[in-house]
Amino acid sequence: MSTMTLDLPEYLHKFAETRATELQFATPEDYMCELAQIAYIEHNSEYFWKEIQKGLDSGPPIPGELVWKELDEQRKLRQRDKVLQEQR
C-alpha cells in the first residue's frame, strides 16, 4: 500500500470521522480508502460489463472439465518439449 496525504476542510474532516465511527471503520483513513475503492469500481464498471458481455457473446459455454483437460494437455506438451530440449 502507498500513503497519500489529503488536506480536507474541517467540516469534511469531522464528517469523515463521524461516518467512520457510524459505519464501524477502524479509522477515518479506512473509510476514505473504501470511498476511493467504490469510486474505482464505479469508474471501471462499464469496462467490466463490456468484457462480461463479450464473453457471453462469444458462443455457447464450454464445460469446465474440457477446459481443464485442454490446459493440462498443453502443459504436458510444454513439459515434454522442455525435456526434449534439455536432452539435446
C-alpha atoms as a PDB file:
ATOM      1  CA  MET A   1       0.000   0.000   0.000  1.00  0.00           C
ATOM      2  CA  SER A   2       1.120   3.554  -0.533  1.00  0.00           C
ATOM      3  CA  THR A   3       0.424   6.667   1.511  1.00  0.00           C
ATOM      4  CA  MET A   4      -1.455   9.759   0.403  1.00  0.00           C
ATOM      5  CA  THR A   5      -1.816  12.916   2.445  1.00  0.00           C
ATOM      6  CA  LEU A   6      -5.162  14.576   1.992  1.00  0.00           C
ATOM      7  CA  ASP A   7      -5.929  18.074   3.242  1.00  0.00           C
ATOM      8  CA  LEU A   8      -9.628  18.447   3.985  1.00  0.00           C
ATOM      9  CA  PRO A   9     -11.672  21.385   5.163  1.00  0.00           C
ATOM     10  CA  GLU A  10     -12.549  20.982   8.829  1.00  0.00           C
ATOM     11  CA  TYR A  11     -16.201  20.136   8.134  1.00  0.00           C
ATOM     12  CA  LEU A  12     -15.206  17.256   5.810  1.00  0.00           C
ATOM     13  CA  HIS A  13     -12.645  16.012   8.297  1.00  0.00           C
ATOM     14  CA  LYS A  14     -15.289  15.885  11.028  1.00  0.00           C
ATOM     15  CA  PHE A  15     -17.760  14.271   8.645  1.00  0.00           C
ATOM     16  CA  ALA A  16     -15.243  11.547   7.738  1.00  0.00           C
ATOM     17  CA  GLU A  17     -14.524  10.882  11.407  1.00  0.00           C
ATOM     18  CA  THR A  18     -18.242  10.687  12.229  1.00  0.00           C
ATOM     19  CA  ARG A  19     -19.082   8.411   9.286  1.00  0.00           C
ATOM     20  CA  ALA A  20     -16.115   6.150  10.013  1.00  0.00           C
ATOM     21  CA  THR A  21     -17.396   5.710  13.562  1.00  0.00           C
ATOM     22  CA  GLU A  22     -21.013   5.229  12.479  1.00  0.00           C
ATOM     23  CA  LEU A  23     -20.045   2.619   9.894  1.00  0.00           C
ATOM     24  CA  GLN A  24     -17.602   0.938  12.297  1.00  0.00           C
ATOM     25  CA  PHE A  25     -14.431   1.546  10.305  1.00  0.00           C
ATOM     26  CA  ALA A  26     -11.249   1.248  12.337  1.00  0.00           C
ATOM     27  CA  THR A  27     -10.108   4.714  11.263  1.00  0.00           C
ATOM     28  CA  PRO A  28     -11.284   7.619   9.118  1.00  0.00           C
ATOM     29  CA  GLU A  29      -8.481   6.658   6.723  1.00  0.00           C
ATOM     30  CA  ASP A  30     -10.050   3.224   6.231  1.00  0.00           C
ATOM     31  CA  TYR A  31     -13.369   4.927   5.473  1.00  0.00           C
ATOM     32  CA  MET A  32     -11.727   7.212   2.902  1.00  0.00           C
ATOM     33  CA  CYS A  33      -9.989   4.212   1.320  1.00  0.00           C
ATOM     34  CA  GLU A  34     -13.345   2.458   0.992  1.00  0.00           C
ATOM     35  CA  LEU A  35     -14.803   5.530  -0.738  1.00  0.00           C
ATOM     36  CA  ALA A  36     -11.906   5.516  -3.198  1.00  0.00           C
ATOM     37  CA  GLN A  37     -12.431   1.803  -3.895  1.00  0.00           C
ATOM     38  CA  ILE A  38     -16.130   2.371  -4.556  1.00  0.00           C
ATOM     39  CA  ALA A  39     -15.303   5.227  -6.945  1.00  0.00           C
ATOM     40  CA  TYR A  40     -12.761   2.996  -8.727  1.00  0.00           C
ATOM     41  CA  ILE A  41     -15.329   0.227  -9.207  1.00  0.00           C
ATOM     42  CA  GLU A  42     -17.958   2.663 -10.444  1.00  0.00           C
ATOM     43  CA  HIS A  43     -15.458   4.239 -12.844  1.00  0.00           C
ATOM     44  CA  ASN A  44     -14.466   0.849 -14.302  1.00  0.00           C
ATOM     45  CA  SER A  45     -17.842  -0.885 -14.195  1.00  0.00           C
ATOM     46  CA  GLU A  46     -18.608  -0.087 -17.839  1.00  0.00           C
ATOM     47  CA  TYR A  47     -15.392  -1.820 -18.908  1.00  0.00           C
ATOM     48  CA  PHE A  48     -16.169  -4.854 -16.725  1.00  0.00           C
ATOM     49  CA  TRP A  49     -19.699  -5.173 -18.098  1.00  0.00           C
ATOM     50  CA  LYS A  50     -18.411  -4.896 -21.686  1.00  0.00           C
ATOM     51  CA  GLU A  51     -15.918  -7.703 -21.015  1.00  0.00           C
ATOM     52  CA  ILE A  52     -18.640  -9.858 -19.477  1.00  0.00           C
ATOM     53  CA  GLN A  53     -20.866  -9.219 -22.493  1.00  0.00           C
ATOM     54  CA  LYS A  54     -18.023 -10.137 -24.879  1.00  0.00           C
ATOM     55  CA  GLY A  55     -17.726 -13.448 -23.065  1.00  0.00           C
ATOM     56  CA  LEU A  56     -21.452 -14.065 -23.274  1.00  0.00           C
ATOM     57  CA  ASP A  57     -21.480 -13.177 -26.974  1.00  0.00           C
ATOM     58  CA  SER A  58     -18.505 -15.427 -27.768  1.00  0.00           C
ATOM     59  CA  GLY A  59     -20.636 -18.523 -28.116  1.00  0.00           C
ATOM     60  CA  PRO A  60     -22.020 -21.333 -26.042  1.00  0.00           C
ATOM     61  CA  PRO A  61     -20.229 -22.147 -22.804  1.00  0.00           C
ATOM     62  CA  ILE A  62     -17.539 -24.808 -22.765  1.00  0.00           C
ATOM     63  CA  PRO A  63     -17.810 -27.313 -19.918  1.00  0.00           C
ATOM     64  CA  GLY A  64     -15.126 -26.576 -17.329  1.00  0.00           C
ATOM     65  CA  GLU A  65     -13.799 -30.131 -17.381  1.00  0.00           C
ATOM     66  CA  LEU A  66     -12.998 -29.781 -21.104  1.00  0.00           C
ATOM     67  CA  VAL A  67     -11.170 -26.513 -20.491  1.00  0.00           C
ATOM     68  CA  TRP A  68      -9.065 -28.058 -17.720  1.00  0.00           C
ATOM     69  CA  LYS A  69      -8.373 -31.125 -19.852  1.00  0.00           C
ATOM     70  CA  GLU A  70      -7.144 -28.927 -22.726  1.00  0.00           C
ATOM     71  CA  LEU A  71      -4.986 -26.832 -20.403  1.00  0.00           C
ATOM     72  CA  ASP A  72      -3.498 -29.987 -18.871  1.00  0.00           C
ATOM     73  CA  GLU A  73      -2.704 -31.370 -22.333  1.00  0.00           C
ATOM     74  CA  GLN A  74      -0.982 -28.101 -23.275  1.00  0.00           C
ATOM     75  CA  ARG A  75       1.023 -28.234 -20.048  1.00  0.00           C
ATOM     76  CA  LYS A  76       2.107 -31.811 -20.744  1.00  0.00           C
ATOM     77  CA  LEU A  77       3.215 -30.861 -24.274  1.00  0.00           C
ATOM     78  CA  ARG A  78       5.253 -27.916 -22.966  1.00  0.00           C
ATOM     79  CA  GLN A  79       6.807 -30.152 -20.330  1.00  0.00           C
ATOM     80  CA  ARG A  80       7.665 -32.804 -22.940  1.00  0.00           C
ATOM     81  CA  ASP A  81       9.183 -30.173 -25.253  1.00  0.00           C
ATOM     82  CA  LYS A  82      11.290 -28.821 -22.393  1.00  0.00           C
ATOM     83  CA  VAL A  83      12.617 -32.297 -21.571  1.00  0.00           C
ATOM     84  CA  LEU A  84      13.418 -32.920 -25.241  1.00  0.00           C
ATOM     85  CA  GLN A  85      15.302 -29.626 -25.493  1.00  0.00           C
ATOM     86  CA  GLU A  86      17.307 -30.444 -22.376  1.00  0.00           C
ATOM     87  CA  GLN A  87      18.286 -33.810 -23.814  1.00  0.00           C
ATOM     88  CA  ARG A  88      19.854 -32.231 -26.900  1.00  0.00           C
END
